[in-house]
PDB file of N, CA and C in Angstrom:
ATOM      1  N   MET A   1      13.276 -50.442  30.839  1.00  0.00           N
ATOM      2  CA  MET A   1      13.430 -49.119  31.405  1.00  0.00           C
ATOM      3  C   MET A   1      13.988 -48.141  30.378  1.00  0.00           C
ATOM      4  N   LYS A   2      14.950 -48.642  29.554  1.00  0.00           N
ATOM      5  CA  LYS A   2      15.529 -47.769  28.536  1.00  0.00           C
ATOM      6  C   LYS A   2      14.503 -47.397  27.480  1.00  0.00           C
ATOM      7  N   SER A   3      13.612 -48.317  27.155  1.00  0.00           N
ATOM      8  CA  SER A   3      12.613 -48.022  26.130  1.00  0.00           C
ATOM      9  C   SER A   3      11.626 -46.962  26.613  1.00  0.00           C
ATOM     10  N   ILE A   4      11.279 -46.973  27.863  1.00  0.00           N
ATOM     11  CA  ILE A   4      10.379 -45.953  28.427  1.00  0.00           C
ATOM     12  C   ILE A   4      11.068 -44.592  28.407  1.00  0.00           C
ATOM     13  N   ALA A   5      12.353 -44.561  28.734  1.00  0.00           N
ATOM     14  CA  ALA A   5      13.099 -43.305  28.711  1.00  0.00           C
ATOM     15  C   ALA A   5      13.187 -42.763  27.287  1.00  0.00           C
ATOM     16  N   ARG A   6      13.361 -43.626  26.308  1.00  0.00           N
ATOM     17  CA  ARG A   6      13.425 -43.184  24.907  1.00  0.00           C
ATOM     18  C   ARG A   6      12.077 -42.619  24.455  1.00  0.00           C
ATOM     19  N   ILE A   7      10.993 -43.289  24.829  1.00  0.00           N
ATOM     20  CA  ILE A   7       9.661 -42.813  24.461  1.00  0.00           C
ATOM     21  C   ILE A   7       9.404 -41.436  25.071  1.00  0.00           C
ATOM     22  N   LEU A   8       9.773 -41.268  26.337  1.00  0.00           N
ATOM     23  CA  LEU A   8       9.589 -39.974  26.995  1.00  0.00           C
ATOM     24  C   LEU A   8      10.456 -38.893  26.346  1.00  0.00           C
ATOM     25  N   LEU A   9      11.667 -39.233  25.954  1.00  0.00           N
ATOM     26  CA  LEU A   9      12.552 -38.272  25.300  1.00  0.00           C
ATOM     27  C   LEU A   9      12.002 -37.854  23.942  1.00  0.00           C
ATOM     28  N   VAL A  10      11.540 -38.830  23.157  1.00  0.00           N
ATOM     29  CA  VAL A  10      10.958 -38.524  21.850  1.00  0.00           C
ATOM     30  C   VAL A  10       9.708 -37.660  22.019  1.00  0.00           C
ATOM     31  N   GLY A  11       8.899 -37.959  23.007  1.00  0.00           N
ATOM     32  CA  GLY A  11       7.693 -37.168  23.273  1.00  0.00           C
ATOM     33  C   GLY A  11       8.031 -35.737  23.671  1.00  0.00           C
ATOM     34  N   ALA A  12       9.060 -35.574  24.499  1.00  0.00           N
ATOM     35  CA  ALA A  12       9.465 -34.242  24.929  1.00  0.00           C
ATOM     36  C   ALA A  12       9.995 -33.423  23.753  1.00  0.00           C
ATOM     37  N   VAL A  13      10.776 -34.053  22.899  1.00  0.00           N
ATOM     38  CA  VAL A  13      11.303 -33.360  21.713  1.00  0.00           C
ATOM     39  C   VAL A  13      10.160 -32.970  20.785  1.00  0.00           C
ATOM     40  N   ALA A  14       9.200 -33.866  20.590  1.00  0.00           N
ATOM     41  CA  ALA A  14       8.058 -33.577  19.721  1.00  0.00           C
ATOM     42  C   ALA A  14       7.220 -32.431  20.284  1.00  0.00           C
ATOM     43  N   MET A  15       6.985 -32.426  21.570  1.00  0.00           N
ATOM     44  CA  MET A  15       6.195 -31.345  22.187  1.00  0.00           C
ATOM     45  C   MET A  15       6.924 -30.008  22.091  1.00  0.00           C
ATOM     46  N   THR A  16       8.233 -30.023  22.224  1.00  0.00           N
ATOM     47  CA  THR A  16       9.016 -28.791  22.086  1.00  0.00           C
ATOM     48  C   THR A  16       8.928 -28.273  20.659  1.00  0.00           C
ATOM     49  N   ALA A  17       9.013 -29.158  19.677  1.00  0.00           N
ATOM     50  CA  ALA A  17       8.922 -28.750  18.272  1.00  0.00           C
ATOM     51  C   ALA A  17       7.545 -28.168  17.969  1.00  0.00           C
ATOM     52  N   VAL A  18       6.502 -28.777  18.480  1.00  0.00           N
ATOM     53  CA  VAL A  18       5.145 -28.270  18.273  1.00  0.00           C
ATOM     54  C   VAL A  18       4.980 -26.910  18.942  1.00  0.00           C
ATOM     55  N   GLY A  19       5.557 -26.758  20.116  1.00  0.00           N
ATOM     56  CA  GLY A  19       5.475 -25.481  20.826  1.00  0.00           C
ATOM     57  C   GLY A  19       6.156 -24.357  20.068  1.00  0.00           C
ATOM     58  N   PHE A  20       7.333 -24.610  19.516  1.00  0.00           N
ATOM     59  CA  PHE A  20       8.037 -23.584  18.753  1.00  0.00           C
ATOM     60  C   PHE A  20       7.332 -23.290  17.431  1.00  0.00           C
ATOM     61  N   ALA A  21       6.724 -24.285  16.826  1.00  0.00           N
ATOM     62  CA  ALA A  21       6.054 -24.083  15.549  1.00  0.00           C
ATOM     63  C   ALA A  21       4.774 -23.264  15.707  1.00  0.00           C
ATOM     64  N   SER A  22       4.130 -23.365  16.862  1.00  0.00           N
ATOM     65  CA  SER A  22       2.866 -22.666  17.046  1.00  0.00           C
ATOM     66  C   SER A  22       3.034 -21.216  17.483  1.00  0.00           C
ATOM     67  N   VAL A  23       4.221 -20.816  17.901  1.00  0.00           N
ATOM     68  CA  VAL A  23       4.460 -19.437  18.317  1.00  0.00           C
ATOM     69  C   VAL A  23       4.647 -18.575  17.075  1.00  0.00           C
ATOM     70  N   PRO A  24       3.871 -17.479  16.940  1.00  0.00           N
ATOM     71  CA  PRO A  24       4.048 -16.633  15.754  1.00  0.00           C
ATOM     72  C   PRO A  24       5.375 -15.895  15.809  1.00  0.00           C
ATOM     73  N   SER A  25       5.982 -15.723  14.650  1.00  0.00           N
ATOM     74  CA  SER A  25       7.268 -15.034  14.611  1.00  0.00           C
ATOM     75  C   SER A  25       7.065 -13.538  14.784  1.00  0.00           C
ATOM     76  N   GLN A  26       8.130 -12.839  15.110  1.00  0.00           N
ATOM     77  CA  GLN A  26       8.061 -11.395  15.294  1.00  0.00           C
ATOM     78  C   GLN A  26       7.730 -10.704  13.978  1.00  0.00           C
ATOM     79  N   ALA A  27       8.185 -11.262  12.860  1.00  0.00           N
ATOM     80  CA  ALA A  27       7.906 -10.655  11.558  1.00  0.00           C
ATOM     81  C   ALA A  27       6.431 -10.798  11.191  1.00  0.00           C
ATOM     82  N   ALA A  28       5.794 -11.848  11.662  1.00  0.00           N
ATOM     83  CA  ALA A  28       4.397 -12.068  11.331  1.00  0.00           C
ATOM     84  C   ALA A  28       3.467 -11.147  12.116  1.00  0.00           C
ATOM     85  N   LYS A  29       3.913 -10.702  13.269  1.00  0.00           N
ATOM     86  CA  LYS A  29       3.086  -9.820  14.074  1.00  0.00           C
ATOM     87  C   LYS A  29       3.043  -8.444  13.421  1.00  0.00           C
ATOM     88  N   LYS A  30       1.870  -7.878  13.340  1.00  0.00           N
ATOM     89  CA  LYS A  30       1.740  -6.540  12.769  1.00  0.00           C
ATOM     90  C   LYS A  30       1.997  -5.520  13.867  1.00  0.00           C
ATOM     91  N   ALA A  31       2.749  -4.506  13.502  1.00  0.00           N
ATOM     92  CA  ALA A  31       2.998  -3.432  14.440  1.00  0.00           C
ATOM     93  C   ALA A  31       1.761  -2.548  14.494  1.00  0.00           C
ATOM     94  N   GLU A  32       1.310  -2.262  15.693  1.00  0.00           N
ATOM     95  CA  GLU A  32       0.152  -1.409  15.837  1.00  0.00           C
ATOM     96  C   GLU A  32       0.537   0.032  15.521  1.00  0.00           C
ATOM     97  N   PRO A  33      -0.305   0.717  14.773  1.00  0.00           N
ATOM     98  CA  PRO A  33       0.021   2.109  14.466  1.00  0.00           C
ATOM     99  C   PRO A  33       0.007   2.963  15.730  1.00  0.00           C
ATOM    100  N   VAL A  34       0.892   3.920  15.758  1.00  0.00           N
ATOM    101  CA  VAL A  34       0.996   4.779  16.918  1.00  0.00           C
ATOM    102  C   VAL A  34      -0.180   5.744  16.916  1.00  0.00           C
ATOM    103  N   ALA A  35      -0.908   5.770  18.017  1.00  0.00           N
ATOM    104  CA  ALA A  35      -2.038   6.684  18.128  1.00  0.00           C
ATOM    105  C   ALA A  35      -1.516   8.108  18.263  1.00  0.00           C
ATOM    106  N   CYS A  36      -2.239   9.034  17.683  1.00  0.00           N
ATOM    107  CA  CYS A  36      -1.798  10.422  17.755  1.00  0.00           C
ATOM    108  C   CYS A  36      -2.771  11.234  18.589  1.00  0.00           C
ATOM    109  N   VAL A  37      -2.325  12.380  19.034  1.00  0.00           N
ATOM    110  CA  VAL A  37      -3.142  13.285  19.819  1.00  0.00           C
ATOM    111  C   VAL A  37      -3.669  14.364  18.864  1.00  0.00           C
ATOM    112  N   PRO A  38      -4.979  14.578  18.812  1.00  0.00           N
ATOM    113  CA  PRO A  38      -5.526  15.564  17.883  1.00  0.00           C
ATOM    114  C   PRO A  38      -4.857  16.930  18.040  1.00  0.00           C
ATOM    115  N   GLY A  39      -4.492  17.512  16.901  1.00  0.00           N
ATOM    116  CA  GLY A  39      -3.855  18.815  16.886  1.00  0.00           C
ATOM    117  C   GLY A  39      -2.365  18.764  16.633  1.00  0.00           C
ATOM    118  N   LEU A  40      -1.726  17.609  16.790  1.00  0.00           N
ATOM    119  CA  LEU A  40      -0.292  17.499  16.555  1.00  0.00           C
ATOM    120  C   LEU A  40      -0.005  17.453  15.060  1.00  0.00           C
ATOM    121  N   VAL A  41       1.142  17.970  14.673  1.00  0.00           N
ATOM    122  CA  VAL A  41       1.579  17.906  13.274  1.00  0.00           C
ATOM    123  C   VAL A  41       2.946  17.248  13.213  1.00  0.00           C
ATOM    124  N   CYS A  42       3.252  16.650  12.057  1.00  0.00           N
ATOM    125  CA  CYS A  42       4.546  16.015  11.876  1.00  0.00           C
ATOM    126  C   CYS A  42       4.931  16.075  10.408  1.00  0.00           C
ATOM    127  N   THR A  43       6.233  15.910  10.142  1.00  0.00           N
ATOM    128  CA  THR A  43       6.761  15.900   8.790  1.00  0.00           C
ATOM    129  C   THR A  43       6.723  14.477   8.264  1.00  0.00           C
ATOM    130  N   ALA A  44       6.109  14.279   7.085  1.00  0.00           N
ATOM    131  CA  ALA A  44       5.965  12.927   6.547  1.00  0.00           C
ATOM    132  C   ALA A  44       7.050  12.624   5.526  1.00  0.00           C
ATOM    133  N   LYS A  45       6.813  12.891   4.274  1.00  0.00           N
ATOM    134  CA  LYS A  45       7.752  12.550   3.211  1.00  0.00           C
ATOM    135  C   LYS A  45       8.419  13.808   2.692  1.00  0.00           C
ATOM    136  N   CYS A  46       9.739  13.755   2.556  1.00  0.00           N
ATOM    137  CA  CYS A  46      10.493  14.893   2.029  1.00  0.00           C
ATOM    138  C   CYS A  46      11.070  14.545   0.665  1.00  0.00           C
ATOM    139  N   LYS A  47      11.011  15.481  -0.234  1.00  0.00           N
ATOM    140  CA  LYS A  47      11.601  15.336  -1.558  1.00  0.00           C
ATOM    141  C   LYS A  47      12.409  16.613  -1.796  1.00  0.00           C
ATOM    142  N   GLY A  48      13.707  16.515  -1.616  1.00  0.00           N
ATOM    143  CA  GLY A  48      14.559  17.698  -1.684  1.00  0.00           C
ATOM    144  C   GLY A  48      14.357  18.534  -0.429  1.00  0.00           C
ATOM    145  N   THR A  49      13.961  19.778  -0.598  1.00  0.00           N
ATOM    146  CA  THR A  49      13.705  20.637   0.560  1.00  0.00           C
ATOM    147  C   THR A  49      12.217  20.742   0.857  1.00  0.00           C
ATOM    148  N   ALA A  50      11.344  20.231  -0.016  1.00  0.00           N
ATOM    149  CA  ALA A  50       9.898  20.284   0.212  1.00  0.00           C
ATOM    150  C   ALA A  50       9.446  19.012   0.924  1.00  0.00           C
ATOM    151  N   CYS A  51       8.637  19.200   1.951  1.00  0.00           N
ATOM    152  CA  CYS A  51       8.137  18.062   2.727  1.00  0.00           C
ATOM    153  C   CYS A  51       6.624  18.147   2.850  1.00  0.00           C
ATOM    154  N   LYS A  52       5.992  16.994   2.999  1.00  0.00           N
ATOM    155  CA  LYS A  52       4.558  16.938   3.263  1.00  0.00           C
ATOM    156  C   LYS A  52       4.348  16.981   4.768  1.00  0.00           C
ATOM    157  N   VAL A  53       3.293  17.644   5.190  1.00  0.00           N
ATOM    158  CA  VAL A  53       2.982  17.773   6.609  1.00  0.00           C
ATOM    159  C   VAL A  53       1.690  17.024   6.891  1.00  0.00           C
ATOM    160  N   ASN A  54       1.699  16.198   7.927  1.00  0.00           N
ATOM    161  CA  ASN A  54       0.505  15.490   8.374  1.00  0.00           C
ATOM    162  C   ASN A  54       0.037  16.068   9.693  1.00  0.00           C
ATOM    163  N   ALA A  55      -1.276  16.002   9.913  1.00  0.00           N
ATOM    164  CA  ALA A  55      -1.861  16.456  11.167  1.00  0.00           C
ATOM    165  C   ALA A  55      -2.736  15.342  11.720  1.00  0.00           C
ATOM    166  N   CYS A  56      -2.860  15.297  13.021  1.00  0.00           N
ATOM    167  CA  CYS A  56      -3.700  14.301  13.671  1.00  0.00           C
ATOM    168  C   CYS A  56      -5.130  14.842  13.726  1.00  0.00           C
ATOM    169  N   ASN A  57      -6.086  14.091  13.160  1.00  0.00           N
ATOM    170  CA  ASN A  57      -7.467  14.564  13.152  1.00  0.00           C
ATOM    171  C   ASN A  57      -8.190  14.158  14.431  1.00  0.00           C
ATOM    172  N   TYR A  58      -9.458  14.504  14.519  1.00  0.00           N
ATOM    173  CA  TYR A  58     -10.236  14.244  15.730  1.00  0.00           C
ATOM    174  C   TYR A  58     -10.462  12.760  15.991  1.00  0.00           C
ATOM    175  N   GLN A  59     -10.279  11.902  14.970  1.00  0.00           N
ATOM    176  CA  GLN A  59     -10.443  10.461  15.137  1.00  0.00           C
ATOM    177  C   GLN A  59      -9.162   9.777  15.597  1.00  0.00           C
ATOM    178  N   GLY A  60      -8.066  10.537  15.722  1.00  0.00           N
ATOM    179  CA  GLY A  60      -6.796   9.957  16.130  1.00  0.00           C
ATOM    180  C   GLY A  60      -6.034   9.325  14.993  1.00  0.00           C
ATOM    181  N   LYS A  61      -6.258   9.780  13.753  1.00  0.00           N
ATOM    182  CA  LYS A  61      -5.566   9.247  12.581  1.00  0.00           C
ATOM    183  C   LYS A  61      -4.795  10.365  11.902  1.00  0.00           C
ATOM    184  N   TRP A  62      -3.652  10.006  11.302  1.00  0.00           N
ATOM    185  CA  TRP A  62      -2.836  10.991  10.589  1.00  0.00           C
ATOM    186  C   TRP A  62      -3.430  11.232   9.206  1.00  0.00           C
ATOM    187  N   THR A  63      -3.632  12.511   8.867  1.00  0.00           N
ATOM    188  CA  THR A  63      -4.095  12.913   7.545  1.00  0.00           C
ATOM    189  C   THR A  63      -3.262  14.098   7.088  1.00  0.00           C
ATOM    190  N   ALA A  64      -3.405  14.467   5.811  1.00  0.00           N
ATOM    191  CA  ALA A  64      -2.673  15.621   5.295  1.00  0.00           C
ATOM    192  C   ALA A  64      -3.152  16.879   6.028  1.00  0.00           C
ATOM    193  N   ALA A  65      -2.219  17.739   6.370  1.00  0.00           N
ATOM    194  CA  ALA A  65      -2.570  18.972   7.076  1.00  0.00           C
ATOM    195  C   ALA A  65      -3.430  19.849   6.176  1.00  0.00           C
ATOM    196  N   TYR A  66      -4.416  20.508   6.761  1.00  0.00           N
ATOM    197  CA  TYR A  66      -5.366  21.292   5.987  1.00  0.00           C
ATOM    198  C   TYR A  66      -4.806  22.660   5.621  1.00  0.00           C
ATOM    199  N   TRP A  67      -4.258  23.376   6.582  1.00  0.00           N
ATOM    200  CA  TRP A  67      -3.786  24.743   6.336  1.00  0.00           C
ATOM    201  C   TRP A  67      -2.415  24.784   5.674  1.00  0.00           C
ATOM    202  N   THR A  68      -1.518  23.927   6.098  1.00  0.00           N
ATOM    203  CA  THR A  68      -0.169  23.916   5.520  1.00  0.00           C
ATOM    204  C   THR A  68       0.193  22.482   5.139  1.00  0.00           C
ATOM    205  N   PRO A  69      -0.249  22.016   3.962  1.00  0.00           N
ATOM    206  CA  PRO A  69       0.029  20.627   3.584  1.00  0.00           C
ATOM    207  C   PRO A  69       1.483  20.377   3.195  1.00  0.00           C
ATOM    208  N   THR A  70       2.261  21.443   2.928  1.00  0.00           N
ATOM    209  CA  THR A  70       3.678  21.282   2.604  1.00  0.00           C
ATOM    210  C   THR A  70       4.493  22.296   3.385  1.00  0.00           C
ATOM    211  N   CYS A  71       5.782  22.024   3.492  1.00  0.00           N
ATOM    212  CA  CYS A  71       6.700  22.949   4.151  1.00  0.00           C
ATOM    213  C   CYS A  71       8.060  22.833   3.473  1.00  0.00           C
ATOM    214  N   THR A  72       8.922  23.773   3.735  1.00  0.00           N
ATOM    215  CA  THR A  72      10.281  23.717   3.205  1.00  0.00           C
ATOM    216  C   THR A  72      11.257  23.640   4.366  1.00  0.00           C
ATOM    217  N   GLN A  73      12.311  22.884   4.155  1.00  0.00           N
ATOM    218  CA  GLN A  73      13.346  22.746   5.189  1.00  0.00           C
ATOM    219  C   GLN A  73      14.038  24.086   5.368  1.00  0.00           C
ATOM    220  N   PRO A  74      14.384  24.537   6.475  1.00  0.00           N
ATOM    221  CA  PRO A  74      14.348  23.976   7.826  1.00  0.00           C
ATOM    222  C   PRO A  74      13.125  24.393   8.619  1.00  0.00           C
ATOM    223  N   TYR A  75      12.047  24.817   7.954  1.00  0.00           N
ATOM    224  CA  TYR A  75      10.869  25.338   8.644  1.00  0.00           C
ATOM    225  C   TYR A  75       9.769  24.304   8.837  1.00  0.00           C
ATOM    226  N   CYS A  76      10.110  23.043   8.765  1.00  0.00           N
ATOM    227  CA  CYS A  76       9.151  21.962   8.953  1.00  0.00           C
ATOM    228  C   CYS A  76       9.031  21.596  10.433  1.00  0.00           C
ATOM    229  N   PRO A  77       7.908  20.966  10.816  1.00  0.00           N
ATOM    230  CA  PRO A  77       7.780  20.501  12.191  1.00  0.00           C
ATOM    231  C   PRO A  77       8.893  19.509  12.524  1.00  0.00           C
ATOM    232  N   PRO A  78       9.394  19.526  13.758  1.00  0.00           N
ATOM    233  CA  PRO A  78      10.531  18.662  14.108  1.00  0.00           C
ATOM    234  C   PRO A  78      10.167  17.177  14.164  1.00  0.00           C
ATOM    235  N   ALA A  79       8.919  16.851  14.467  1.00  0.00           N
ATOM    236  CA  ALA A  79       8.537  15.437  14.612  1.00  0.00           C
ATOM    237  C   ALA A  79       8.425  14.777  13.244  1.00  0.00           C
ATOM    238  N   LYS A  80       8.920  13.524  13.156  1.00  0.00           N
ATOM    239  CA  LYS A  80       8.806  12.723  11.927  1.00  0.00           C
ATOM    240  C   LYS A  80       7.678  11.717  12.095  1.00  0.00           C
ATOM    241  N   CYS A  81       6.928  11.474  11.032  1.00  0.00           N
ATOM    242  CA  CYS A  81       5.828  10.497  11.068  1.00  0.00           C
ATOM    243  C   CYS A  81       6.354   9.125  10.697  1.00  0.00           C
TER     244      CYS A  81
END
């Protein structure tokens, strides 16, 4: 009876180890990019007081703004990319 209990215990431990090993870690999962709404603008990278401005295009992707590709603080869009 003890040998059957040991076999079942070893099997349960092995199955638990396999289960934890097969689960992908949070670091391995890629974060999905945030979809944007066409027409929105945001402040991307700032260097001193000059910042780059991104705009959401018709495909839902962030690209450099066409009319105002740069801005100066504090006149930049409030949203950060």
